[in-house]
Amino acid sequence: MVYKLDENYDYLFKLVVIGDSGVGKTSLLSRFTKNEFSFNSRSTIGVEFSTRTIRVQNKIIKAQIWDTAGQERYRAVTHAYYRGAVGAMLVYDIKNYESFVNLERWLKELRQHSDPDIVIMLIGNKADLRHLRCISIEEGSGFAEKEKTFFMETSALEDSNVEAAFIEVLSQIYNVVSKKDLQKGGDVVDHINMPKSQTLSLEDASPSSSSIKFQCCSR
């Protein structure tokens, strides 16, 4: 979903946050939109969303971010909410191997119900629990390279790389959408191009950085 219909912002981008229950999707969203973290975060029921407005290259971007339930019983409910999404945060828990294995199923579902050109960021969350990790950075970046997604490890608890991950996705969407918008003379843009497989170096992943590298993220 990419609109230019409101005087308060230049573009509205719809993003979805997906992955197994308990990987920290709600905590990531809360950290990015409210700069808050709760140790008692409840499981999402169905779908919830929050918004945040940022500036990208002198344009006001409003992000409408949908937090989808990871439980199996809600999967049928969430399918419709993929429609119109131009970005997705695909989240796993670095200490939960099952959540990593299930990424293929989530990706398959996402690609079945969204635009084929959606920009995807793979996120290995709970990096603060690195002493309990069972998925290496190399495994995460390797999966991202194979599936042609961006990759970053984050910690909602420590507020590590959460801002950078969301802003990078929004910036990548804007870069492509703005070019297509010019080509269409300012009309509503319906499609974006999938970026080539690229892994973000966290050393260079500030909001102002345009450097994308084929290498593992450092913590």
N, C-alpha and C. Protein backbone atom coordinates (compact mmCIF):
# COMPACT_ATOMS: atom_id res chain seq x y z
N MET A 1 0.85 -1.19 0.00
CA MET A 1 0.00 0.00 0.00
C MET A 1 0.88 1.23 0.00
N VAL A 2 0.82 2.02 -1.05
CA VAL A 2 1.60 3.24 -1.19
C VAL A 2 0.67 4.36 -1.64
N TYR A 3 0.42 5.31 -0.77
CA TYR A 3 -0.50 6.40 -1.09
C TYR A 3 0.19 7.74 -0.93
N LYS A 4 -0.29 8.73 -1.68
CA LYS A 4 0.11 10.12 -1.51
C LYS A 4 -1.18 10.95 -1.46
N LEU A 5 -1.90 10.82 -0.36
CA LEU A 5 -3.25 11.38 -0.33
C LEU A 5 -3.50 12.32 0.85
N ASP A 6 -2.50 12.56 1.69
CA ASP A 6 -2.73 13.31 2.91
C ASP A 6 -1.71 14.43 3.01
N GLU A 7 -2.15 15.62 3.37
CA GLU A 7 -1.24 16.77 3.44
C GLU A 7 -0.24 16.62 4.58
N ASN A 8 -0.48 15.70 5.53
CA ASN A 8 0.40 15.53 6.66
C ASN A 8 1.58 14.60 6.38
N TYR A 9 1.55 13.91 5.27
CA TYR A 9 2.67 13.06 4.89
C TYR A 9 2.69 12.91 3.38
N ASP A 10 3.86 12.54 2.87
CA ASP A 10 4.02 12.38 1.42
C ASP A 10 3.67 10.98 0.95
N TYR A 11 4.01 9.97 1.77
CA TYR A 11 3.73 8.59 1.41
C TYR A 11 3.26 7.83 2.64
N LEU A 12 2.40 6.86 2.40
CA LEU A 12 1.96 5.92 3.44
C LEU A 12 2.37 4.53 2.99
N PHE A 13 3.23 3.88 3.78
CA PHE A 13 3.70 2.53 3.47
C PHE A 13 3.13 1.54 4.48
N LYS A 14 2.56 0.46 4.00
CA LYS A 14 2.08 -0.60 4.88
C LYS A 14 3.16 -1.67 5.02
N LEU A 15 3.53 -1.99 6.28
CA LEU A 15 4.47 -3.04 6.59
C LEU A 15 3.78 -4.08 7.47
N VAL A 16 4.21 -5.34 7.34
CA VAL A 16 3.72 -6.39 8.22
C VAL A 16 4.91 -6.99 8.96
N VAL A 17 4.68 -7.35 10.23
CA VAL A 17 5.70 -8.01 11.05
C VAL A 17 5.22 -9.43 11.29
N ILE A 18 5.97 -10.42 10.80
CA ILE A 18 5.51 -11.80 10.86
C ILE A 18 6.58 -12.71 11.45
N GLY A 19 6.13 -13.89 11.89
CA GLY A 19 7.03 -14.87 12.49
C GLY A 19 6.29 -15.62 13.58
N ASP A 20 6.93 -16.62 14.15
CA ASP A 20 6.31 -17.45 15.17
C ASP A 20 5.92 -16.64 16.41
N SER A 21 4.99 -17.17 17.16
CA SER A 21 4.61 -16.57 18.43
C SER A 21 5.80 -16.59 19.39
N GLY A 22 6.03 -15.49 20.09
CA GLY A 22 7.08 -15.43 21.10
C GLY A 22 8.44 -14.98 20.61
N VAL A 23 8.55 -14.63 19.33
CA VAL A 23 9.87 -14.20 18.82
C VAL A 23 10.14 -12.73 19.10
N GLY A 24 9.13 -11.99 19.55
CA GLY A 24 9.34 -10.59 19.92
C GLY A 24 8.83 -9.58 18.91
N LYS A 25 7.86 -9.98 18.09
CA LYS A 25 7.33 -9.06 17.08
C LYS A 25 6.70 -7.83 17.71
N THR A 26 5.86 -8.04 18.72
CA THR A 26 5.18 -6.92 19.38
C THR A 26 6.19 -6.01 20.07
N SER A 27 7.22 -6.60 20.67
CA SER A 27 8.24 -5.80 21.35
C SER A 27 9.02 -4.95 20.35
N LEU A 28 9.31 -5.49 19.17
CA LEU A 28 9.99 -4.71 18.13
C LEU A 28 9.13 -3.53 17.69
N LEU A 29 7.85 -3.81 17.47
CA LEU A 29 6.94 -2.76 17.04
C LEU A 29 6.81 -1.68 18.11
N SER A 30 6.68 -2.10 19.36
CA SER A 30 6.55 -1.15 20.47
C SER A 30 7.81 -0.30 20.62
N ARG A 31 8.96 -0.93 20.43
CA ARG A 31 10.21 -0.19 20.55
C ARG A 31 10.34 0.84 19.43
N PHE A 32 9.96 0.46 18.21
CA PHE A 32 10.10 1.39 17.09
C PHE A 32 9.07 2.51 17.13
N THR A 33 7.83 2.21 17.46
CA THR A 33 6.78 3.22 17.38
C THR A 33 6.61 4.03 18.67
N LYS A 34 6.98 3.44 19.83
CA LYS A 34 6.77 4.13 21.10
C LYS A 34 8.04 4.26 21.94
N ASN A 35 9.12 3.62 21.48
CA ASN A 35 10.35 3.53 22.26
C ASN A 35 10.08 2.96 23.65
N GLU A 36 9.29 1.89 23.67
CA GLU A 36 8.94 1.22 24.91
C GLU A 36 9.27 -0.26 24.83
N PHE A 37 9.51 -0.87 26.01
CA PHE A 37 9.69 -2.32 26.08
C PHE A 37 9.02 -2.82 27.35
N SER A 38 8.26 -3.90 27.22
CA SER A 38 7.57 -4.49 28.36
C SER A 38 7.98 -5.94 28.50
N PHE A 39 8.36 -6.32 29.72
CA PHE A 39 8.69 -7.72 29.99
C PHE A 39 7.43 -8.58 30.04
N ASN A 40 6.27 -7.95 30.16
CA ASN A 40 5.01 -8.67 30.30
C ASN A 40 4.14 -8.54 29.04
N SER A 41 4.78 -8.43 27.91
CA SER A 41 4.03 -8.28 26.67
C SER A 41 3.18 -9.52 26.41
N ARG A 42 1.91 -9.29 26.09
CA ARG A 42 0.99 -10.41 25.84
C ARG A 42 1.05 -10.82 24.39
N SER A 43 0.60 -12.04 24.10
CA SER A 43 0.55 -12.51 22.73
C SER A 43 -0.49 -11.73 21.94
N THR A 44 -0.15 -11.42 20.70
CA THR A 44 -1.08 -10.70 19.84
C THR A 44 -2.23 -11.61 19.45
N ILE A 45 -3.44 -11.06 19.49
CA ILE A 45 -4.63 -11.80 19.07
C ILE A 45 -5.07 -11.23 17.72
N GLY A 46 -5.03 -12.08 16.69
CA GLY A 46 -5.39 -11.60 15.36
C GLY A 46 -4.34 -10.66 14.83
N VAL A 47 -4.71 -9.40 14.58
CA VAL A 47 -3.79 -8.42 14.02
C VAL A 47 -3.98 -7.09 14.72
N GLU A 48 -2.88 -6.44 15.05
CA GLU A 48 -2.90 -5.09 15.60
C GLU A 48 -1.96 -4.23 14.76
N PHE A 49 -2.13 -2.92 14.81
CA PHE A 49 -1.18 -2.09 14.07
C PHE A 49 -0.88 -0.79 14.81
N SER A 50 0.28 -0.26 14.50
CA SER A 50 0.72 1.03 15.03
C SER A 50 1.31 1.83 13.88
N THR A 51 1.49 3.11 14.09
CA THR A 51 2.06 3.96 13.05
C THR A 51 3.21 4.80 13.60
N ARG A 52 4.07 5.19 12.71
CA ARG A 52 5.12 6.15 13.05
C ARG A 52 5.48 6.90 11.78
N THR A 53 5.75 8.17 11.92
CA THR A 53 6.12 9.02 10.80
C THR A 53 7.60 9.36 10.89
N ILE A 54 8.30 9.20 9.78
CA ILE A 54 9.72 9.53 9.73
C ILE A 54 9.98 10.37 8.48
N ARG A 55 11.18 10.93 8.42
CA ARG A 55 11.58 11.71 7.25
C ARG A 55 12.66 10.94 6.48
N VAL A 56 12.44 10.79 5.20
CA VAL A 56 13.41 10.13 4.32
C VAL A 56 13.65 11.04 3.12
N GLN A 57 14.88 11.52 2.99
CA GLN A 57 15.24 12.38 1.87
C GLN A 57 14.24 13.52 1.68
N ASN A 58 13.98 14.21 2.76
CA ASN A 58 13.09 15.38 2.78
C ASN A 58 11.64 15.06 2.45
N LYS A 59 11.26 13.82 2.52
CA LYS A 59 9.87 13.42 2.37
C LYS A 59 9.36 12.83 3.69
N ILE A 60 8.10 13.09 3.99
CA ILE A 60 7.49 12.56 5.20
C ILE A 60 6.86 11.21 4.87
N ILE A 61 7.35 10.17 5.53
CA ILE A 61 6.87 8.82 5.32
C ILE A 61 6.10 8.36 6.55
N LYS A 62 4.86 7.98 6.35
CA LYS A 62 4.08 7.42 7.45
C LYS A 62 4.07 5.91 7.29
N ALA A 63 4.59 5.22 8.29
CA ALA A 63 4.61 3.76 8.27
C ALA A 63 3.42 3.23 9.06
N GLN A 64 2.63 2.42 8.41
CA GLN A 64 1.51 1.73 9.07
C GLN A 64 1.97 0.27 9.22
N ILE A 65 2.27 -0.12 10.45
CA ILE A 65 2.94 -1.40 10.69
C ILE A 65 1.97 -2.36 11.39
N TRP A 66 1.72 -3.49 10.73
CA TRP A 66 0.77 -4.49 11.23
C TRP A 66 1.51 -5.61 11.93
N ASP A 67 1.10 -5.87 13.15
CA ASP A 67 1.68 -6.93 13.98
C ASP A 67 0.75 -8.13 13.92
N THR A 68 1.21 -9.22 13.30
CA THR A 68 0.35 -10.38 13.09
C THR A 68 0.60 -11.45 14.13
N ALA A 69 -0.46 -12.12 14.56
CA ALA A 69 -0.35 -13.20 15.53
C ALA A 69 0.41 -14.37 14.94
N GLY A 70 1.26 -15.00 15.76
CA GLY A 70 2.03 -16.13 15.28
C GLY A 70 1.36 -17.47 15.52
N GLN A 71 0.31 -17.48 16.36
CA GLN A 71 -0.32 -18.75 16.68
C GLN A 71 -1.06 -19.32 15.47
N GLU A 72 -1.01 -20.63 15.33
CA GLU A 72 -1.61 -21.32 14.19
C GLU A 72 -3.09 -21.01 14.05
N ARG A 73 -3.81 -20.89 15.19
CA ARG A 73 -5.27 -20.71 15.10
C ARG A 73 -5.67 -19.37 14.52
N TYR A 74 -4.74 -18.42 14.43
CA TYR A 74 -5.06 -17.11 13.87
C TYR A 74 -4.57 -16.95 12.44
N ARG A 75 -3.94 -17.97 11.87
CA ARG A 75 -3.31 -17.82 10.56
C ARG A 75 -4.31 -17.46 9.47
N ALA A 76 -5.49 -18.09 9.50
CA ALA A 76 -6.49 -17.80 8.47
C ALA A 76 -6.97 -16.36 8.54
N VAL A 77 -6.98 -15.80 9.75
CA VAL A 77 -7.45 -14.43 9.95
C VAL A 77 -6.46 -13.44 9.35
N THR A 78 -5.17 -13.76 9.41
CA THR A 78 -4.15 -12.78 9.03
C THR A 78 -3.87 -12.71 7.53
N HIS A 79 -4.30 -13.70 6.76
CA HIS A 79 -3.97 -13.73 5.34
C HIS A 79 -4.36 -12.44 4.63
N ALA A 80 -5.55 -11.94 4.91
CA ALA A 80 -6.04 -10.75 4.22
C ALA A 80 -5.18 -9.52 4.51
N TYR A 81 -4.48 -9.52 5.63
CA TYR A 81 -3.72 -8.34 6.02
C TYR A 81 -2.38 -8.23 5.30
N TYR A 82 -2.00 -9.26 4.57
CA TYR A 82 -0.80 -9.15 3.74
C TYR A 82 -1.05 -8.26 2.53
N ARG A 83 -2.28 -8.19 2.10
CA ARG A 83 -2.60 -7.45 0.88
C ARG A 83 -2.25 -5.97 1.04
N GLY A 84 -1.57 -5.44 0.06
CA GLY A 84 -1.22 -4.03 0.09
C GLY A 84 0.08 -3.74 0.81
N ALA A 85 0.69 -4.73 1.43
CA ALA A 85 1.96 -4.50 2.14
C ALA A 85 3.09 -4.32 1.14
N VAL A 86 3.92 -3.32 1.35
CA VAL A 86 5.08 -3.09 0.50
C VAL A 86 6.37 -3.45 1.22
N GLY A 87 6.25 -3.81 2.50
CA GLY A 87 7.42 -4.22 3.27
C GLY A 87 7.03 -5.22 4.32
N ALA A 88 7.99 -6.08 4.69
CA ALA A 88 7.72 -7.09 5.72
C ALA A 88 8.96 -7.29 6.57
N MET A 89 8.74 -7.41 7.89
CA MET A 89 9.80 -7.78 8.82
C MET A 89 9.54 -9.22 9.22
N LEU A 90 10.41 -10.11 8.80
CA LEU A 90 10.28 -11.54 9.07
C LEU A 90 11.19 -11.87 10.25
N VAL A 91 10.59 -12.24 11.39
CA VAL A 91 11.32 -12.29 12.66
C VAL A 91 11.46 -13.72 13.17
N TYR A 92 12.66 -14.04 13.65
CA TYR A 92 12.88 -15.27 14.40
C TYR A 92 13.65 -14.95 15.67
N ASP A 93 13.66 -15.90 16.60
CA ASP A 93 14.34 -15.77 17.88
C ASP A 93 15.67 -16.50 17.77
N ILE A 94 16.79 -15.83 18.02
CA ILE A 94 18.10 -16.45 17.79
C ILE A 94 18.36 -17.64 18.72
N LYS A 95 17.56 -17.80 19.76
CA LYS A 95 17.73 -18.94 20.67
C LYS A 95 16.64 -19.99 20.50
N ASN A 96 15.81 -19.84 19.48
CA ASN A 96 14.71 -20.78 19.23
C ASN A 96 14.84 -21.30 17.81
N TYR A 97 15.41 -22.50 17.68
CA TYR A 97 15.69 -23.01 16.34
C TYR A 97 14.42 -23.28 15.55
N GLU A 98 13.36 -23.67 16.23
CA GLU A 98 12.10 -23.93 15.53
C GLU A 98 11.60 -22.68 14.82
N SER A 99 11.76 -21.53 15.47
CA SER A 99 11.31 -20.27 14.85
C SER A 99 12.12 -19.96 13.60
N PHE A 100 13.36 -20.43 13.55
CA PHE A 100 14.20 -20.25 12.37
C PHE A 100 13.78 -21.21 11.26
N VAL A 101 13.53 -22.46 11.62
CA VAL A 101 13.09 -23.47 10.66
C VAL A 101 11.78 -23.04 10.01
N ASN A 102 10.90 -22.43 10.79
CA ASN A 102 9.57 -22.04 10.29
C ASN A 102 9.61 -20.82 9.37
N LEU A 103 10.77 -20.20 9.20
CA LEU A 103 10.86 -19.04 8.32
C LEU A 103 10.43 -19.37 6.89
N GLU A 104 10.77 -20.55 6.42
CA GLU A 104 10.40 -20.92 5.06
C GLU A 104 8.88 -20.93 4.89
N ARG A 105 8.18 -21.43 5.91
CA ARG A 105 6.71 -21.46 5.84
C ARG A 105 6.15 -20.04 5.86
N TRP A 106 6.72 -19.18 6.69
CA TRP A 106 6.24 -17.80 6.74
C TRP A 106 6.50 -17.08 5.42
N LEU A 107 7.67 -17.31 4.84
CA LEU A 107 7.99 -16.68 3.56
C LEU A 107 7.05 -17.16 2.46
N LYS A 108 6.78 -18.44 2.45
CA LYS A 108 5.87 -18.98 1.45
C LYS A 108 4.49 -18.34 1.58
N GLU A 109 4.02 -18.22 2.80
CA GLU A 109 2.71 -17.61 3.04
C GLU A 109 2.72 -16.14 2.63
N LEU A 110 3.77 -15.43 3.01
CA LEU A 110 3.90 -14.01 2.66
C LEU A 110 3.87 -13.81 1.16
N ARG A 111 4.63 -14.61 0.44
CA ARG A 111 4.72 -14.44 -1.01
C ARG A 111 3.46 -14.89 -1.73
N GLN A 112 2.68 -15.75 -1.10
CA GLN A 112 1.41 -16.16 -1.68
C GLN A 112 0.35 -15.07 -1.57
N HIS A 113 0.44 -14.25 -0.53
CA HIS A 113 -0.64 -13.30 -0.23
C HIS A 113 -0.21 -11.84 -0.34
N SER A 114 0.97 -11.58 -0.88
CA SER A 114 1.41 -10.19 -1.02
C SER A 114 1.98 -9.97 -2.42
N ASP A 115 2.30 -8.72 -2.71
CA ASP A 115 2.92 -8.39 -3.99
C ASP A 115 4.25 -9.12 -4.11
N PRO A 116 4.56 -9.68 -5.27
CA PRO A 116 5.81 -10.42 -5.42
C PRO A 116 7.06 -9.57 -5.26
N ASP A 117 6.91 -8.24 -5.34
CA ASP A 117 8.05 -7.35 -5.23
C ASP A 117 8.23 -6.76 -3.83
N ILE A 118 7.59 -7.32 -2.83
CA ILE A 118 7.65 -6.78 -1.48
C ILE A 118 9.08 -6.78 -0.95
N VAL A 119 9.46 -5.72 -0.22
CA VAL A 119 10.78 -5.62 0.39
C VAL A 119 10.74 -6.33 1.74
N ILE A 120 11.66 -7.27 1.95
CA ILE A 120 11.64 -8.09 3.16
C ILE A 120 12.94 -7.92 3.94
N MET A 121 12.79 -7.71 5.25
CA MET A 121 13.93 -7.67 6.16
C MET A 121 13.84 -8.87 7.09
N LEU A 122 14.84 -9.75 7.06
CA LEU A 122 14.93 -10.86 7.99
C LEU A 122 15.57 -10.36 9.28
N ILE A 123 14.91 -10.62 10.41
CA ILE A 123 15.39 -10.13 11.69
C ILE A 123 15.61 -11.29 12.65
N GLY A 124 16.85 -11.41 13.13
CA GLY A 124 17.16 -12.32 14.23
C GLY A 124 17.05 -11.54 15.52
N ASN A 125 15.95 -11.72 16.24
CA ASN A 125 15.69 -10.91 17.43
C ASN A 125 16.22 -11.58 18.70
N LYS A 126 16.23 -10.80 19.77
CA LYS A 126 16.72 -11.20 21.10
C LYS A 126 18.23 -11.42 21.10
N ALA A 127 18.93 -10.53 20.39
CA ALA A 127 20.39 -10.61 20.32
C ALA A 127 21.05 -10.38 21.66
N ASP A 128 20.31 -9.82 22.62
CA ASP A 128 20.85 -9.65 23.98
C ASP A 128 21.06 -11.00 24.67
N LEU A 129 20.39 -12.05 24.17
CA LEU A 129 20.54 -13.39 24.73
C LEU A 129 21.52 -14.22 23.90
N ARG A 130 22.58 -13.56 23.46
CA ARG A 130 23.55 -14.21 22.57
C ARG A 130 24.20 -15.43 23.22
N HIS A 131 24.27 -15.46 24.55
CA HIS A 131 24.87 -16.61 25.23
C HIS A 131 23.99 -17.85 25.13
N LEU A 132 22.73 -17.67 24.70
CA LEU A 132 21.81 -18.79 24.53
C LEU A 132 21.52 -19.08 23.06
N ARG A 133 22.19 -18.39 22.17
CA ARG A 133 21.87 -18.51 20.75
C ARG A 133 22.09 -19.92 20.25
N CYS A 134 21.21 -20.33 19.32
CA CYS A 134 21.41 -21.60 18.62
C CYS A 134 21.35 -21.40 17.11
N ILE A 135 21.15 -20.15 16.67
CA ILE A 135 21.24 -19.82 15.24
C ILE A 135 22.37 -18.79 15.09
N SER A 136 23.39 -19.16 14.37
CA SER A 136 24.53 -18.27 14.20
C SER A 136 24.19 -17.12 13.25
N ILE A 137 25.00 -16.08 13.31
CA ILE A 137 24.84 -14.97 12.39
C ILE A 137 25.01 -15.45 10.95
N GLU A 138 25.95 -16.39 10.76
CA GLU A 138 26.20 -16.93 9.42
C GLU A 138 24.98 -17.65 8.88
N GLU A 139 24.28 -18.40 9.75
CA GLU A 139 23.06 -19.08 9.30
C GLU A 139 21.98 -18.08 8.90
N GLY A 140 21.83 -17.04 9.72
CA GLY A 140 20.84 -16.02 9.41
C GLY A 140 21.13 -15.30 8.11
N SER A 141 22.38 -14.87 7.94
CA SER A 141 22.74 -14.14 6.73
C SER A 141 22.70 -15.05 5.50
N GLY A 142 23.04 -16.34 5.71
CA GLY A 142 22.97 -17.28 4.60
C GLY A 142 21.55 -17.50 4.11
N PHE A 143 20.62 -17.60 5.06
CA PHE A 143 19.21 -17.75 4.70
C PHE A 143 18.72 -16.51 3.96
N ALA A 144 19.12 -15.34 4.45
CA ALA A 144 18.71 -14.08 3.81
C ALA A 144 19.25 -13.99 2.40
N GLU A 145 20.49 -14.40 2.21
CA GLU A 145 21.08 -14.34 0.87
C GLU A 145 20.35 -15.29 -0.08
N LYS A 146 20.03 -16.48 0.42
CA LYS A 146 19.33 -17.46 -0.41
C LYS A 146 17.95 -16.96 -0.82
N GLU A 147 17.27 -16.29 0.10
CA GLU A 147 15.89 -15.86 -0.13
C GLU A 147 15.80 -14.42 -0.65
N LYS A 148 16.95 -13.79 -0.87
CA LYS A 148 16.99 -12.42 -1.42
C LYS A 148 16.25 -11.43 -0.52
N THR A 149 16.62 -11.43 0.75
CA THR A 149 16.07 -10.48 1.70
C THR A 149 17.22 -9.72 2.36
N PHE A 150 16.90 -8.64 3.03
CA PHE A 150 17.86 -7.98 3.88
C PHE A 150 17.97 -8.76 5.19
N PHE A 151 19.00 -8.49 5.98
CA PHE A 151 19.18 -9.22 7.24
C PHE A 151 19.80 -8.33 8.30
N MET A 152 19.32 -8.49 9.53
CA MET A 152 19.88 -7.76 10.66
C MET A 152 19.51 -8.48 11.95
N GLU A 153 20.39 -8.46 12.92
CA GLU A 153 20.05 -8.94 14.25
C GLU A 153 19.70 -7.75 15.13
N THR A 154 18.70 -7.93 15.99
CA THR A 154 18.19 -6.84 16.81
C THR A 154 17.97 -7.30 18.24
N SER A 155 17.80 -6.33 19.12
CA SER A 155 17.35 -6.58 20.48
C SER A 155 16.38 -5.48 20.85
N ALA A 156 15.11 -5.84 21.01
CA ALA A 156 14.12 -4.85 21.45
C ALA A 156 14.40 -4.44 22.89
N LEU A 157 14.90 -5.37 23.70
CA LEU A 157 15.20 -5.08 25.10
C LEU A 157 16.30 -4.02 25.22
N GLU A 158 17.39 -4.22 24.49
CA GLU A 158 18.52 -3.30 24.56
C GLU A 158 18.38 -2.12 23.58
N ASP A 159 17.30 -2.11 22.80
CA ASP A 159 17.10 -1.10 21.76
C ASP A 159 18.29 -1.10 20.80
N SER A 160 18.65 -2.29 20.35
CA SER A 160 19.79 -2.46 19.46
C SER A 160 19.31 -2.75 18.04
N ASN A 161 19.59 -1.82 17.13
CA ASN A 161 19.35 -1.97 15.68
C ASN A 161 17.87 -2.02 15.28
N VAL A 162 16.96 -1.81 16.20
CA VAL A 162 15.54 -1.82 15.86
C VAL A 162 15.22 -0.65 14.95
N GLU A 163 15.64 0.53 15.36
CA GLU A 163 15.44 1.74 14.54
C GLU A 163 16.06 1.57 13.16
N ALA A 164 17.29 1.09 13.13
CA ALA A 164 18.00 0.93 11.86
C ALA A 164 17.29 -0.03 10.93
N ALA A 165 16.77 -1.13 11.47
CA ALA A 165 16.11 -2.14 10.63
C ALA A 165 14.86 -1.57 9.97
N PHE A 166 13.99 -0.94 10.75
CA PHE A 166 12.76 -0.39 10.19
C PHE A 166 13.05 0.74 9.21
N ILE A 167 13.95 1.64 9.58
CA ILE A 167 14.23 2.78 8.71
C ILE A 167 14.89 2.33 7.42
N GLU A 168 15.73 1.31 7.47
CA GLU A 168 16.34 0.82 6.25
C GLU A 168 15.29 0.27 5.29
N VAL A 169 14.33 -0.49 5.82
CA VAL A 169 13.27 -1.02 4.97
C VAL A 169 12.45 0.11 4.36
N LEU A 170 12.07 1.08 5.17
CA LEU A 170 11.28 2.20 4.68
C LEU A 170 12.06 3.02 3.65
N SER A 171 13.35 3.17 3.86
CA SER A 171 14.18 3.91 2.91
C SER A 171 14.31 3.17 1.59
N GLN A 172 14.46 1.84 1.66
CA GLN A 172 14.57 1.06 0.44
C GLN A 172 13.26 1.11 -0.36
N ILE A 173 12.14 1.05 0.35
CA ILE A 173 10.85 1.16 -0.32
C ILE A 173 10.74 2.53 -1.00
N TYR A 174 11.08 3.57 -0.26
CA TYR A 174 10.96 4.92 -0.81
C TYR A 174 11.85 5.12 -2.04
N ASN A 175 13.06 4.60 -1.99
CA ASN A 175 13.98 4.78 -3.11
C ASN A 175 13.39 4.27 -4.42
N VAL A 176 12.74 3.13 -4.36
CA VAL A 176 12.16 2.55 -5.57
C VAL A 176 10.85 3.23 -5.93
N VAL A 177 10.01 3.45 -4.91
CA VAL A 177 8.71 4.06 -5.16
C VAL A 177 8.85 5.47 -5.73
N SER A 178 9.80 6.24 -5.23
CA SER A 178 9.96 7.60 -5.70
C SER A 178 10.35 7.63 -7.18
N LYS A 179 11.17 6.67 -7.60
CA LYS A 179 11.54 6.60 -9.01
C LYS A 179 10.34 6.25 -9.87
N LYS A 180 9.54 5.30 -9.42
CA LYS A 180 8.36 4.92 -10.19
C LYS A 180 7.32 6.02 -10.17
N ASP A 181 7.27 6.75 -9.06
CA ASP A 181 6.32 7.86 -8.95
C ASP A 181 6.64 8.93 -9.99
N LEU A 182 7.93 9.20 -10.18
CA LEU A 182 8.33 10.17 -11.19
C LEU A 182 7.97 9.68 -12.59
N GLN A 183 8.15 8.40 -12.81
CA GLN A 183 7.84 7.84 -14.12
C GLN A 183 6.35 7.91 -14.43
N LYS A 184 5.54 7.82 -13.37
CA LYS A 184 4.09 7.82 -13.56
C LYS A 184 3.48 9.20 -13.35
N GLY A 185 4.31 10.19 -13.17
CA GLY A 185 3.82 11.55 -13.05
C GLY A 185 3.10 11.84 -11.75
N GLY A 186 3.48 11.12 -10.66
CA GLY A 186 2.89 11.41 -9.36
C GLY A 186 1.67 10.60 -9.03
N ASP A 187 1.31 9.61 -9.86
CA ASP A 187 0.15 8.79 -9.56
C ASP A 187 0.46 7.84 -8.42
N VAL A 188 -0.59 7.20 -7.89
CA VAL A 188 -0.40 6.21 -6.85
C VAL A 188 0.44 5.07 -7.39
N VAL A 189 1.42 4.63 -6.63
CA VAL A 189 2.33 3.59 -7.07
C VAL A 189 1.87 2.25 -6.50
N ASP A 190 1.77 1.25 -7.36
CA ASP A 190 1.24 -0.03 -6.93
C ASP A 190 2.29 -1.11 -6.73
N HIS A 191 3.45 -0.96 -7.35
CA HIS A 191 4.43 -2.04 -7.29
C HIS A 191 5.81 -1.47 -6.99
N ILE A 192 6.63 -2.32 -6.34
CA ILE A 192 8.02 -1.97 -6.09
C ILE A 192 8.88 -3.15 -6.48
N ASN A 193 10.17 -2.89 -6.70
CA ASN A 193 11.06 -3.95 -7.12
C ASN A 193 11.72 -4.62 -5.93
N MET A 194 11.84 -5.94 -5.98
CA MET A 194 12.55 -6.68 -4.96
C MET A 194 14.03 -6.34 -5.03
N PRO A 195 14.66 -5.95 -3.89
CA PRO A 195 16.10 -5.70 -3.93
C PRO A 195 16.85 -7.01 -4.09
N LYS A 196 18.06 -6.93 -4.61
CA LYS A 196 18.90 -8.11 -4.66
C LYS A 196 19.25 -8.52 -3.24
N SER A 197 19.67 -9.77 -3.07
CA SER A 197 20.02 -10.25 -1.74
C SER A 197 21.15 -9.41 -1.16
N GLN A 198 20.88 -8.80 -0.02
CA GLN A 198 21.88 -7.93 0.59
C GLN A 198 21.78 -8.05 2.10
N THR A 199 22.92 -8.17 2.75
CA THR A 199 22.97 -8.22 4.20
C THR A 199 23.54 -6.92 4.72
N LEU A 200 22.83 -6.30 5.63
CA LEU A 200 23.29 -5.03 6.16
C LEU A 200 24.41 -5.24 7.15
N SER A 201 25.46 -4.49 7.02
CA SER A 201 26.48 -4.44 8.05
C SER A 201 26.00 -3.48 9.12
N LEU A 202 25.85 -3.96 10.36
CA LEU A 202 25.30 -3.10 11.41
C LEU A 202 26.20 -1.91 11.70
N GLU A 203 27.46 -2.02 11.37
CA GLU A 203 28.36 -0.89 11.58
C GLU A 203 27.95 0.28 10.69
N ASP A 204 27.31 -0.03 9.55
CA ASP A 204 26.97 1.00 8.57
C ASP A 204 25.48 1.20 8.45
N ALA A 205 24.70 0.62 9.38
CA ALA A 205 23.25 0.59 9.19
C ALA A 205 22.54 1.74 9.89
N SER A 206 23.15 2.90 9.94
CA SER A 206 22.47 4.07 10.47
C SER A 206 21.43 4.53 9.47
N PRO A 207 20.41 5.30 9.93
CA PRO A 207 19.37 5.74 9.00
C PRO A 207 19.89 6.50 7.81
N SER A 208 21.02 7.19 7.96
CA SER A 208 21.54 7.99 6.87
C SER A 208 22.46 7.20 5.95
N SER A 209 22.76 5.96 6.33
CA SER A 209 23.71 5.18 5.55
C SER A 209 23.05 4.54 4.35
N SER A 210 23.72 4.59 3.22
CA SER A 210 23.22 3.90 2.03
C SER A 210 24.09 2.69 1.71
N SER A 211 25.02 2.36 2.62
CA SER A 211 25.95 1.26 2.38
C SER A 211 25.31 -0.07 2.69
N ILE A 212 25.24 -0.95 1.70
CA ILE A 212 24.71 -2.29 1.87
C ILE A 212 25.82 -3.25 1.50
N LYS A 213 26.11 -4.22 2.36
CA LYS A 213 27.23 -5.10 2.12
C LYS A 213 26.81 -6.56 2.18
N PHE A 214 27.48 -7.39 1.41
CA PHE A 214 27.27 -8.84 1.44
C PHE A 214 28.18 -9.41 2.52
N GLN A 215 27.81 -9.23 3.78
CA GLN A 215 28.62 -9.77 4.85
C GLN A 215 27.75 -9.93 6.08
N CYS A 216 28.27 -10.65 7.06
CA CYS A 216 27.50 -10.89 8.28
C CYS A 216 27.40 -9.60 9.08
N CYS A 217 26.28 -9.51 9.80
CA CYS A 217 26.12 -8.35 10.67
C CYS A 217 26.93 -8.56 11.94
N SER A 218 27.55 -7.50 12.41
CA SER A 218 28.24 -7.56 13.68
C SER A 218 27.32 -7.06 14.77
N ARG A 219 27.52 -7.54 15.97
CA ARG A 219 26.65 -7.12 17.06
C ARG A 219 27.14 -5.81 17.64
